[in-house]
Amino acid sequence: MEVGLFTFGDVGTNPETGAKVDHPTRLRNLVEEIALADEVGVDVFGLGEHHRPNYAVSAPPVVLAAAAQATRNIRLTSAVTVLSSEDPIRVWQDFATLDGLSNGRAEIMVGRGSFIESFPLFGYDLKDYDALFEEKLAMLIAANDGARLDWPGTKFTQRVDHLGLYPRPVQEKLPIWIAVGGTPQSAVRAGGLGLPMAVAIIGGEPRRFAPLTDLYRRAAKQAGNEDAARVSLNVHGYVAETTERAKDIFYPAHSQVMNQIGRERGFAPQTRERFEAETGPEGAMFVGSPAQVADKILSFKEDLGFDRVSVQMAIGVIEHAEMMKAIELFGTKVAPELRKG
């Protein structure tokens, strides 16, 4: 099993200390965190693209390029690239450049995104939500197929007549993952295209996603892509020396973020009782001691059949020193147990 971490680069006020973290500070801390993750043996680190004041990462490949120079082995990916509001050729070029800087460690994870700011920012209409993603994904896949691109053009993409794409990556093809939030059609599309699928689980019971991963693998098999089928489980979590310590650090920051999002979307507020339920054996949050987090992840392995697990530990503003401790524990204590399983 591959083991990873991802974050959106949260900024703002630490709910425990009152200390403020701005965009430049968070970006520099991120490079340190990725470098430590590499040092302790984490397989992959992802950065999510957002265009909101409470996140520092609007350009994942730029930050990952900085991290490439401070690392040697860890794979570097977006988590996600909001492809609907991007130019697919530029996305491919950015990550091909990252691939060269990292000597073949770049990946792209594409999705529609969980927020809508990028659509008006780059001149797109939300009513075209589905068509934008479908057309641009097809163009990105075509760009990944060879040194020259022939593309007929669509409503939302330009025509390209046998033009070269540069720089060429180290890898023959850049790995392209599709991130899904639970929609069966998305799982079928990923399987049919022979692309690996990342399943985002941020609430409820993870086992309810078993039909989705089964559907993905069936679609891949029917399309002759069974050998290419891979699933990543992307979840919220945190690790500390003890379960109590992990909860006490993670809860204030996590609840602050989820309550803000909840106010925007009309969700019920996060409570400590709800948090405790979500961190229980069947809940969607993987928070606790190294042994507890490893055991909980492995308990879902058979039902969900995932090949990679990636944990979002940096949700909200958590003290950088505490995050570094958590990354070290994750890499040295959690990851080895997961690989055994």
Protein backbone atom coordinates (compact mmCIF):
# COMPACT_ATOMS: atom_id res chain seq x y z
CA MET A 1 0.00 0.00 0.00
CA GLU A 2 1.20 3.52 -0.82
CA VAL A 3 0.90 6.04 2.00
CA GLY A 4 0.46 9.77 1.52
CA LEU A 5 -0.41 13.14 3.00
CA PHE A 6 -2.20 16.12 1.49
CA THR A 7 -3.30 19.61 2.47
CA PHE A 8 -4.80 22.83 1.10
CA GLY A 9 -2.33 25.08 2.95
CA ASP A 10 -4.75 26.61 5.48
CA VAL A 11 -4.03 30.09 6.82
CA GLY A 12 -5.66 32.25 9.47
CA THR A 13 -5.75 32.25 13.26
CA ASN A 14 -4.77 29.30 15.42
CA PRO A 15 -7.89 28.68 17.56
CA GLU A 16 -5.77 27.51 20.49
CA THR A 17 -2.92 30.05 20.61
CA GLY A 18 -4.37 33.01 18.73
CA ALA A 19 -1.26 33.13 16.52
CA LYS A 20 -1.86 34.25 12.95
CA VAL A 21 -0.42 32.43 9.94
CA ASP A 22 -0.28 34.35 6.65
CA HIS A 23 0.14 33.07 3.10
CA PRO A 24 3.95 33.46 2.80
CA THR A 25 4.56 31.77 6.14
CA ARG A 26 2.30 28.85 5.30
CA LEU A 27 3.94 28.35 1.92
CA ARG A 28 7.41 28.22 3.44
CA ASN A 29 6.21 25.86 6.18
CA LEU A 30 4.68 23.61 3.54
CA VAL A 31 8.03 23.09 1.85
CA GLU A 32 9.52 22.11 5.22
CA GLU A 33 6.66 19.70 5.86
CA ILE A 34 7.01 18.03 2.48
CA ALA A 35 10.77 17.73 2.97
CA LEU A 36 10.22 16.02 6.33
CA ALA A 37 7.59 13.70 4.81
CA ASP A 38 10.18 12.67 2.24
CA GLU A 39 12.81 12.13 4.92
CA VAL A 40 10.57 9.83 7.00
CA GLY A 41 9.47 7.74 4.02
CA VAL A 42 6.00 9.01 3.07
CA ASP A 43 5.26 7.94 -0.52
CA VAL A 44 3.29 10.91 -1.85
CA PHE A 45 2.35 14.47 -0.88
CA GLY A 46 -0.55 16.37 -2.43
CA LEU A 47 -1.59 20.03 -2.50
CA GLY A 48 -5.11 21.17 -3.30
CA GLU A 49 -5.91 24.15 -5.54
CA HIS A 50 -8.16 26.79 -3.98
CA HIS A 51 -8.90 30.45 -4.64
CA ARG A 52 -10.12 31.54 -1.21
CA PRO A 53 -8.49 33.80 1.40
CA ASN A 54 -8.16 30.99 3.94
CA TYR A 55 -5.90 28.83 1.72
CA ALA A 56 -2.36 29.59 0.54
CA VAL A 57 -2.21 27.21 -2.43
CA SER A 58 -3.79 28.47 -5.64
CA ALA A 59 -0.96 27.09 -7.81
CA PRO A 60 -0.02 23.58 -6.61
CA PRO A 61 2.72 22.90 -9.21
CA VAL A 62 4.60 26.05 -8.17
CA VAL A 63 4.73 25.01 -4.51
CA LEU A 64 5.48 21.41 -5.47
CA ALA A 65 8.35 22.62 -7.67
CA ALA A 66 9.87 24.30 -4.62
CA ALA A 67 9.42 21.07 -2.67
CA ALA A 68 11.02 19.08 -5.49
CA GLN A 69 14.32 20.79 -4.78
CA ALA A 70 14.14 19.85 -1.09
CA THR A 71 13.21 16.18 -1.61
CA ARG A 72 14.57 13.05 -3.27
CA ASN A 73 11.97 10.26 -3.31
CA ILE A 74 8.46 11.43 -2.45
CA ARG A 75 5.93 11.70 -5.28
CA LEU A 76 4.39 15.17 -5.71
CA THR A 77 0.79 15.65 -6.80
CA SER A 78 -2.08 18.09 -6.88
CA ALA A 79 -5.04 17.19 -4.70
CA VAL A 80 -6.84 18.44 -6.71
CA THR A 81 -6.27 20.53 -9.84
CA VAL A 82 -9.61 22.19 -10.65
CA LEU A 83 -9.45 21.19 -14.30
CA SER A 84 -12.80 22.75 -15.25
CA SER A 85 -11.34 26.26 -14.99
CA GLU A 86 -7.83 25.45 -16.27
CA ASP A 87 -6.23 25.18 -19.70
CA PRO A 88 -5.45 21.44 -20.04
CA ILE A 89 -2.30 22.08 -22.07
CA ARG A 90 -0.97 24.47 -19.45
CA VAL A 91 -1.78 21.95 -16.71
CA TRP A 92 0.15 19.28 -18.60
CA GLN A 93 3.12 21.62 -19.17
CA ASP A 94 3.22 22.69 -15.52
CA PHE A 95 3.36 19.11 -14.31
CA ALA A 96 5.77 18.03 -17.04
CA THR A 97 8.04 20.81 -15.77
CA LEU A 98 7.57 19.54 -12.21
CA ASP A 99 8.39 16.05 -13.46
CA GLY A 100 11.71 17.28 -14.80
CA LEU A 101 12.57 19.19 -11.63
CA SER A 102 11.72 16.16 -9.47
CA ASN A 103 13.30 13.60 -11.82
CA GLY A 104 10.06 11.77 -12.56
CA ARG A 105 8.00 12.19 -9.38
CA ALA A 106 5.06 14.30 -10.61
CA GLU A 107 1.41 13.28 -10.66
CA ILE A 108 -1.79 15.14 -11.51
CA MET A 109 -5.05 14.65 -9.62
CA VAL A 110 -7.96 16.33 -11.38
CA GLY A 111 -11.44 17.08 -10.15
CA ARG A 112 -14.25 19.59 -10.26
CA GLY A 113 -13.24 21.08 -6.91
CA SER A 114 -15.30 21.59 -3.78
CA PHE A 115 -15.63 25.38 -4.14
CA ILE A 116 -16.76 27.56 -7.03
CA GLU A 117 -14.49 30.65 -6.90
CA SER A 118 -12.33 29.56 -9.84
CA PHE A 119 -15.27 29.62 -12.29
CA PRO A 120 -15.98 33.39 -12.26
CA LEU A 121 -12.29 34.14 -11.60
CA PHE A 122 -11.29 32.59 -14.92
CA GLY A 123 -14.42 33.54 -16.86
CA TYR A 124 -16.49 30.34 -16.77
CA ASP A 125 -20.16 29.76 -16.04
CA LEU A 126 -21.24 27.25 -13.40
CA LYS A 127 -24.03 26.05 -15.67
CA ASP A 128 -21.30 24.45 -17.79
CA TYR A 129 -19.93 22.55 -14.75
CA ASP A 130 -20.12 19.05 -16.24
CA ALA A 131 -19.25 19.85 -19.85
CA LEU A 132 -16.18 21.86 -18.85
CA PHE A 133 -14.72 18.98 -16.91
CA GLU A 134 -15.51 16.29 -19.48
CA GLU A 135 -14.07 18.21 -22.44
CA LYS A 136 -10.96 19.37 -20.64
CA LEU A 137 -10.26 15.94 -19.19
CA ALA A 138 -10.40 14.45 -22.68
CA MET A 139 -7.95 17.09 -23.92
CA LEU A 140 -5.58 16.51 -20.98
CA ILE A 141 -5.54 12.77 -21.68
CA ALA A 142 -4.83 13.44 -25.35
CA ALA A 143 -1.98 15.79 -24.41
CA ASN A 144 -0.51 13.03 -22.27
CA ASP A 145 -0.47 10.54 -25.13
CA GLY A 146 2.48 11.80 -27.16
CA ALA A 147 4.92 14.54 -28.06
CA ARG A 148 2.55 16.15 -30.57
CA LEU A 149 -1.08 16.96 -30.05
CA ASP A 150 -3.86 16.73 -32.62
CA TRP A 151 -7.11 17.95 -31.09
CA PRO A 152 -10.27 18.92 -32.98
CA GLY A 153 -11.40 21.54 -30.49
CA THR A 154 -14.66 21.52 -28.57
CA LYS A 155 -16.97 24.11 -27.10
CA PHE A 156 -14.57 24.81 -24.26
CA THR A 157 -11.20 23.81 -25.74
CA GLN A 158 -9.14 25.15 -28.62
CA ARG A 159 -8.20 23.29 -31.79
CA VAL A 160 -4.58 22.09 -31.95
CA ASP A 161 -3.05 20.84 -35.20
CA HIS A 162 -0.10 18.54 -34.59
CA LEU A 163 1.81 20.89 -32.31
CA GLY A 164 4.54 19.85 -29.91
CA LEU A 165 4.18 19.93 -26.13
CA TYR A 166 7.23 20.87 -24.13
CA PRO A 167 9.13 20.26 -21.94
CA ARG A 168 8.93 16.50 -22.21
CA PRO A 169 8.52 14.74 -18.85
CA VAL A 170 10.88 12.17 -17.40
CA GLN A 171 8.05 9.64 -17.14
CA GLU A 172 6.67 8.29 -20.40
CA LYS A 173 3.26 9.55 -19.30
CA LEU A 174 2.26 11.66 -16.32
CA PRO A 175 0.00 9.73 -13.93
CA ILE A 176 -3.47 11.32 -14.01
CA TRP A 177 -5.83 10.52 -11.12
CA ILE A 178 -9.53 11.41 -11.06
CA ALA A 179 -10.88 12.56 -7.71
CA VAL A 180 -14.50 11.68 -6.98
CA GLY A 181 -16.77 12.51 -4.08
CA GLY A 182 -19.23 9.66 -4.36
CA THR A 183 -20.94 9.99 -7.75
CA PRO A 184 -21.36 6.61 -9.51
CA GLN A 185 -21.03 8.20 -12.96
CA SER A 186 -17.62 9.58 -11.99
CA ALA A 187 -16.45 6.15 -10.88
CA VAL A 188 -17.63 4.55 -14.11
CA ARG A 189 -15.88 7.22 -16.18
CA ALA A 190 -12.59 6.76 -14.31
CA GLY A 191 -12.72 3.00 -14.74
CA GLY A 192 -13.68 3.24 -18.39
CA LEU A 193 -10.78 5.60 -19.09
CA GLY A 194 -8.33 3.38 -17.26
CA LEU A 195 -7.37 6.14 -14.83
CA PRO A 196 -6.73 5.66 -11.10
CA MET A 197 -9.48 7.01 -8.83
CA ALA A 198 -9.15 8.95 -5.57
CA VAL A 199 -12.20 8.73 -3.30
CA ALA A 200 -12.65 11.67 -0.93
CA ILE A 201 -14.32 10.61 2.33
CA ILE A 202 -14.95 13.50 4.73
CA GLY A 203 -17.99 12.27 6.64
CA GLY A 204 -20.29 9.38 7.39
CA GLU A 205 -19.17 5.76 7.30
CA PRO A 206 -16.33 4.84 4.90
CA ARG A 207 -17.77 1.38 4.22
CA ARG A 208 -20.69 2.98 2.39
CA PHE A 209 -18.20 3.76 -0.39
CA ALA A 210 -17.61 0.05 -1.06
CA PRO A 211 -20.22 -0.05 -3.88
CA LEU A 212 -18.45 2.90 -5.50
CA THR A 213 -15.03 1.25 -5.55
CA ASP A 214 -16.63 -2.01 -6.73
CA LEU A 215 -18.38 -0.14 -9.55
CA TYR A 216 -15.10 1.48 -10.56
CA ARG A 217 -13.27 -1.84 -10.76
CA ARG A 218 -16.13 -3.44 -12.73
CA ALA A 219 -16.11 -0.56 -15.21
CA ALA A 220 -12.35 -0.86 -15.57
CA LYS A 221 -12.60 -4.60 -16.20
CA GLN A 222 -15.36 -4.19 -18.79
CA ALA A 223 -13.24 -1.62 -20.63
CA GLY A 224 -10.16 -3.83 -20.55
CA ASN A 225 -8.45 -1.58 -18.01
CA GLU A 226 -8.39 -3.97 -15.07
CA ASP A 227 -4.60 -3.89 -14.77
CA ALA A 228 -4.60 -0.08 -14.57
CA ALA A 229 -7.29 0.17 -11.90
CA ARG A 230 -6.07 1.75 -8.65
CA VAL A 231 -7.96 3.35 -5.78
CA SER A 232 -6.76 5.97 -3.31
CA LEU A 233 -8.66 6.57 -0.08
CA ASN A 234 -8.38 10.28 0.80
CA VAL A 235 -9.47 11.05 4.37
CA HIS A 236 -9.20 13.47 7.28
CA GLY A 237 -6.97 12.44 10.17
CA TYR A 238 -4.21 13.25 12.60
CA VAL A 239 -1.66 11.31 14.60
CA ALA A 240 0.03 12.09 17.92
CA GLU A 241 1.74 10.13 20.68
CA THR A 242 -1.63 9.38 22.31
CA THR A 243 -5.22 9.38 21.09
CA GLU A 244 -6.16 12.10 23.57
CA ARG A 245 -3.34 14.33 22.38
CA ALA A 246 -4.27 13.81 18.72
CA LYS A 247 -7.90 14.75 19.38
CA ASP A 248 -7.01 17.79 21.48
CA ILE A 249 -4.76 19.19 18.72
CA PHE A 250 -6.94 18.30 15.74
CA TYR A 251 -10.44 19.09 16.98
CA PRO A 252 -10.18 22.89 17.46
CA ALA A 253 -8.67 23.50 14.01
CA HIS A 254 -10.85 20.97 12.20
CA SER A 255 -14.08 22.18 13.78
CA GLN A 256 -13.23 25.80 13.00
CA VAL A 257 -12.87 24.98 9.30
CA MET A 258 -15.89 22.67 9.09
CA ASN A 259 -18.11 25.17 10.92
CA GLN A 260 -17.11 27.94 8.52
CA ILE A 261 -17.94 25.72 5.54
CA GLY A 262 -21.11 24.61 7.29
CA ARG A 263 -22.30 28.20 7.69
CA GLU A 264 -21.79 28.77 3.96
CA ARG A 265 -23.66 25.62 2.98
CA GLY A 266 -26.27 25.31 5.71
CA PHE A 267 -24.74 22.28 7.47
CA ALA A 268 -25.19 21.52 11.14
CA PRO A 269 -22.31 22.79 13.29
CA GLN A 270 -19.49 20.47 14.28
CA THR A 271 -19.72 19.42 17.93
CA ARG A 272 -17.34 17.50 20.15
CA GLU A 273 -19.90 14.67 20.35
CA ARG A 274 -20.09 14.43 16.58
CA PHE A 275 -16.30 14.59 16.36
CA GLU A 276 -15.94 11.72 18.84
CA ALA A 277 -18.39 9.65 16.80
CA GLU A 278 -16.49 10.33 13.56
CA THR A 279 -13.21 9.26 15.18
CA GLY A 280 -14.76 5.98 16.36
CA PRO A 281 -14.13 2.62 14.64
CA GLU A 282 -16.65 3.18 11.83
CA GLY A 283 -16.31 6.94 11.44
CA ALA A 284 -14.64 8.88 8.64
CA MET A 285 -11.92 10.60 10.68
CA PHE A 286 -8.66 8.79 11.37
CA VAL A 287 -7.44 10.50 14.53
CA GLY A 288 -5.41 8.87 17.28
CA SER A 289 -2.15 7.22 18.22
CA PRO A 290 -0.01 5.67 15.47
CA ALA A 291 -1.28 2.16 16.27
CA GLN A 292 -4.90 3.27 16.38
CA VAL A 293 -4.73 5.15 13.08
CA ALA A 294 -2.93 2.28 11.33
CA ASP A 295 -5.38 -0.32 12.67
CA LYS A 296 -8.39 1.74 11.63
CA ILE A 297 -7.12 2.27 8.08
CA LEU A 298 -6.38 -1.44 7.70
CA SER A 299 -9.85 -2.33 8.99
CA PHE A 300 -11.33 -0.84 5.80
CA LYS A 301 -8.84 -2.37 3.40
CA GLU A 302 -10.78 -5.50 2.47
CA ASP A 303 -14.14 -3.75 1.98
CA LEU A 304 -12.83 -0.77 0.01
CA GLY A 305 -9.91 -2.39 -1.81
CA PHE A 306 -7.67 0.66 -1.92
CA ASP A 307 -4.06 0.71 -3.10
CA ARG A 308 -3.15 4.07 -1.56
CA VAL A 309 -4.31 6.00 1.48
CA SER A 310 -3.72 9.73 1.76
CA VAL A 311 -4.49 11.63 4.96
CA GLN A 312 -5.27 15.33 5.27
CA MET A 313 -3.79 16.20 8.66
CA ALA A 314 -3.27 19.95 8.14
CA ILE A 315 -6.89 21.11 8.30
CA GLY A 316 -7.19 24.60 9.72
CA VAL A 317 -4.32 26.31 11.48
CA ILE A 318 -2.27 23.88 13.57
CA GLU A 319 1.06 24.92 15.03
CA HIS A 320 3.86 24.12 12.57
CA ALA A 321 5.95 22.36 15.22
CA GLU A 322 3.04 20.07 16.08
CA MET A 323 2.46 19.29 12.41
CA MET A 324 6.10 18.36 11.99
CA LYS A 325 5.80 15.94 14.93
CA ALA A 326 2.66 14.44 13.39
CA ILE A 327 4.36 13.97 10.01
CA GLU A 328 7.31 12.25 11.64
CA LEU A 329 5.01 9.87 13.54
CA PHE A 330 2.97 9.21 10.41
CA GLY A 331 6.04 8.34 8.36
CA THR A 332 7.93 6.32 10.98
CA LYS A 333 5.11 4.62 12.87
CA VAL A 334 1.92 4.54 10.78
CA ALA A 335 3.27 4.01 7.25
CA PRO A 336 5.37 0.88 8.08
CA GLU A 337 2.34 -0.82 9.64
CA LEU A 338 0.15 -0.01 6.65
CA ARG A 339 2.70 -1.46 4.26
CA LYS A 340 2.77 -4.69 6.26
CA GLY A 341 -1.00 -4.93 5.93
